[in-house]
Amino acid sequence: QVQLVESGGGLVQPGGSLRLSCAASGISIMFYTMGWYRQAPGKQRELVASITRDGTTTYANSVKGRFTISRDNAKNTVYLQMSSLKPEDTAVYYCNARGEVIGNFWGQGTQVTVSS
């Protein structure tokens, strides 16, 4: 059974930082493109950042220069370091593992709230 378990969300003031973690079990993330998505109330889920098997990263324009995605295949974990957080970053953040041929898995999400 595949599980992606996110952690690290919470309440933070504007300008603050958080690091999200996504621990995988049941799969080896080294074979997957890993991504972080987010969904704010009343909005569609959107891609925040992704990292391919060879380490190529992609970011949404809204988070470039502020967020960094990384992976530790040995720990089977992917991270999202978020800095200079803004109120508009408030959302539920989801971890995703996508195989090249088959397999598309989601975590249950972790809430990030940016507010003073």
Protein backbone atom coordinates (compact mmCIF):
# COMPACT_ATOMS: atom_id res chain seq x y z
CA GLN A 1 0.00 0.00 0.00
CA VAL A 2 1.38 3.35 -1.06
CA GLN A 3 1.34 6.17 1.44
CA LEU A 4 2.55 9.73 1.16
CA VAL A 5 2.49 11.50 4.50
CA GLU A 6 2.96 15.25 4.61
CA SER A 7 4.11 17.14 7.67
CA GLY A 8 5.44 20.54 8.63
CA GLY A 9 2.44 22.72 7.93
CA GLY A 10 1.08 25.26 10.36
CA LEU A 11 0.47 28.91 11.07
CA VAL A 12 3.23 31.36 10.20
CA GLN A 13 3.45 35.14 9.97
CA PRO A 14 4.02 36.86 6.64
CA GLY A 15 7.70 36.80 5.78
CA GLY A 16 8.25 33.62 7.76
CA SER A 17 9.45 30.20 6.69
CA LEU A 18 8.26 26.62 6.85
CA ARG A 19 9.63 23.33 5.63
CA LEU A 20 7.22 20.69 4.46
CA SER A 21 8.17 17.02 4.35
CA CYS A 22 6.59 14.16 2.46
CA ALA A 23 7.56 10.70 3.63
CA ALA A 24 6.74 7.90 1.21
CA SER A 25 6.14 4.24 1.90
CA GLY A 26 5.19 1.45 -0.45
CA ILE A 27 7.16 3.00 -3.30
CA SER A 28 10.70 4.11 -3.90
CA ILE A 29 10.58 7.77 -4.80
CA MET A 30 13.77 7.46 -6.84
CA PHE A 31 11.60 6.12 -9.66
CA TYR A 32 9.07 8.96 -9.52
CA THR A 33 8.71 12.61 -10.32
CA MET A 34 7.76 14.19 -7.01
CA GLY A 35 5.67 17.29 -6.73
CA TRP A 36 4.02 19.66 -4.31
CA TYR A 37 0.61 21.04 -5.17
CA ARG A 38 -1.64 23.38 -3.25
CA GLN A 39 -5.31 24.20 -3.14
CA ALA A 40 -6.73 27.34 -1.60
CA PRO A 41 -10.42 27.65 -0.70
CA GLY A 42 -12.52 28.14 -3.81
CA LYS A 43 -9.59 27.59 -6.14
CA GLN A 44 -8.30 24.74 -8.23
CA ARG A 45 -5.38 22.65 -7.16
CA GLU A 46 -2.18 24.00 -8.69
CA LEU A 47 1.37 22.80 -9.10
CA VAL A 48 3.80 24.56 -6.78
CA ALA A 49 7.01 22.70 -7.54
CA SER A 50 8.23 19.41 -8.94
CA ILE A 51 11.47 17.50 -9.12
CA THR A 52 12.22 14.76 -11.63
CA ARG A 53 14.18 11.57 -11.07
CA ASP A 54 17.34 13.27 -12.30
CA GLY A 55 16.80 16.32 -10.10
CA THR A 56 15.37 18.77 -12.61
CA THR A 57 13.12 21.23 -10.80
CA THR A 58 10.12 23.26 -11.93
CA TYR A 59 8.38 26.03 -10.01
CA ALA A 60 5.22 28.03 -10.33
CA ASN A 61 6.02 31.65 -11.18
CA SER A 62 4.38 32.76 -7.96
CA VAL A 63 6.92 30.90 -5.79
CA LYS A 64 10.13 31.19 -7.80
CA GLY A 65 12.96 32.47 -5.68
CA ARG A 66 11.06 31.78 -2.46
CA PHE A 67 10.43 28.01 -2.45
CA THR A 68 12.87 25.17 -2.95
CA ILE A 69 11.99 21.55 -3.60
CA SER A 70 14.46 18.79 -2.83
CA ARG A 71 14.51 15.05 -2.47
CA ASP A 72 16.40 12.54 -0.36
CA ASN A 73 16.03 9.19 -2.04
CA ALA A 74 17.82 7.42 0.81
CA LYS A 75 15.20 8.68 3.25
CA ASN A 76 12.42 8.26 0.68
CA THR A 77 11.37 11.82 1.46
CA VAL A 78 10.76 14.99 -0.50
CA TYR A 79 10.87 18.48 0.99
CA LEU A 80 9.54 21.92 0.23
CA GLN A 81 11.41 24.78 1.86
CA MET A 82 9.21 27.85 1.85
CA SER A 83 10.55 31.29 2.65
CA SER A 84 9.22 34.85 2.49
CA LEU A 85 5.75 33.46 2.89
CA LYS A 86 2.78 35.59 1.85
CA PRO A 87 -0.89 35.42 2.83
CA GLU A 88 -1.65 34.22 -0.69
CA ASP A 89 0.44 31.11 -0.01
CA THR A 90 -2.26 29.96 2.40
CA ALA A 91 -3.58 26.62 1.18
CA VAL A 92 -3.60 22.91 1.75
CA TYR A 93 -0.36 21.53 0.37
CA TYR A 94 -0.34 18.07 -1.19
CA CYS A 95 2.50 15.75 -2.06
CA ASN A 96 2.36 13.84 -5.34
CA ALA A 97 4.35 10.96 -6.78
CA ARG A 98 4.00 10.37 -10.50
CA GLY A 99 5.53 7.49 -12.39
CA GLU A 100 6.60 7.80 -16.01
CA VAL A 101 4.35 4.97 -17.09
CA ILE A 102 2.03 4.09 -14.26
CA GLY A 103 1.35 5.30 -10.76
CA ASN A 104 0.00 8.61 -9.58
CA PHE A 105 -0.23 8.92 -5.82
CA TRP A 106 -1.36 11.68 -3.49
CA GLY A 107 -0.95 12.48 0.16
CA GLN A 108 -3.76 13.73 2.34
CA GLY A 109 -2.40 17.25 2.58
CA THR A 110 -1.11 19.62 5.21
CA GLN A 111 -2.53 23.05 5.97
CA VAL A 112 -0.32 26.12 5.62
CA THR A 113 -1.75 29.38 6.91
CA VAL A 114 0.11 32.65 6.50
CA SER A 115 -1.40 35.33 8.68
CA SER A 116 -0.46 37.97 11.19
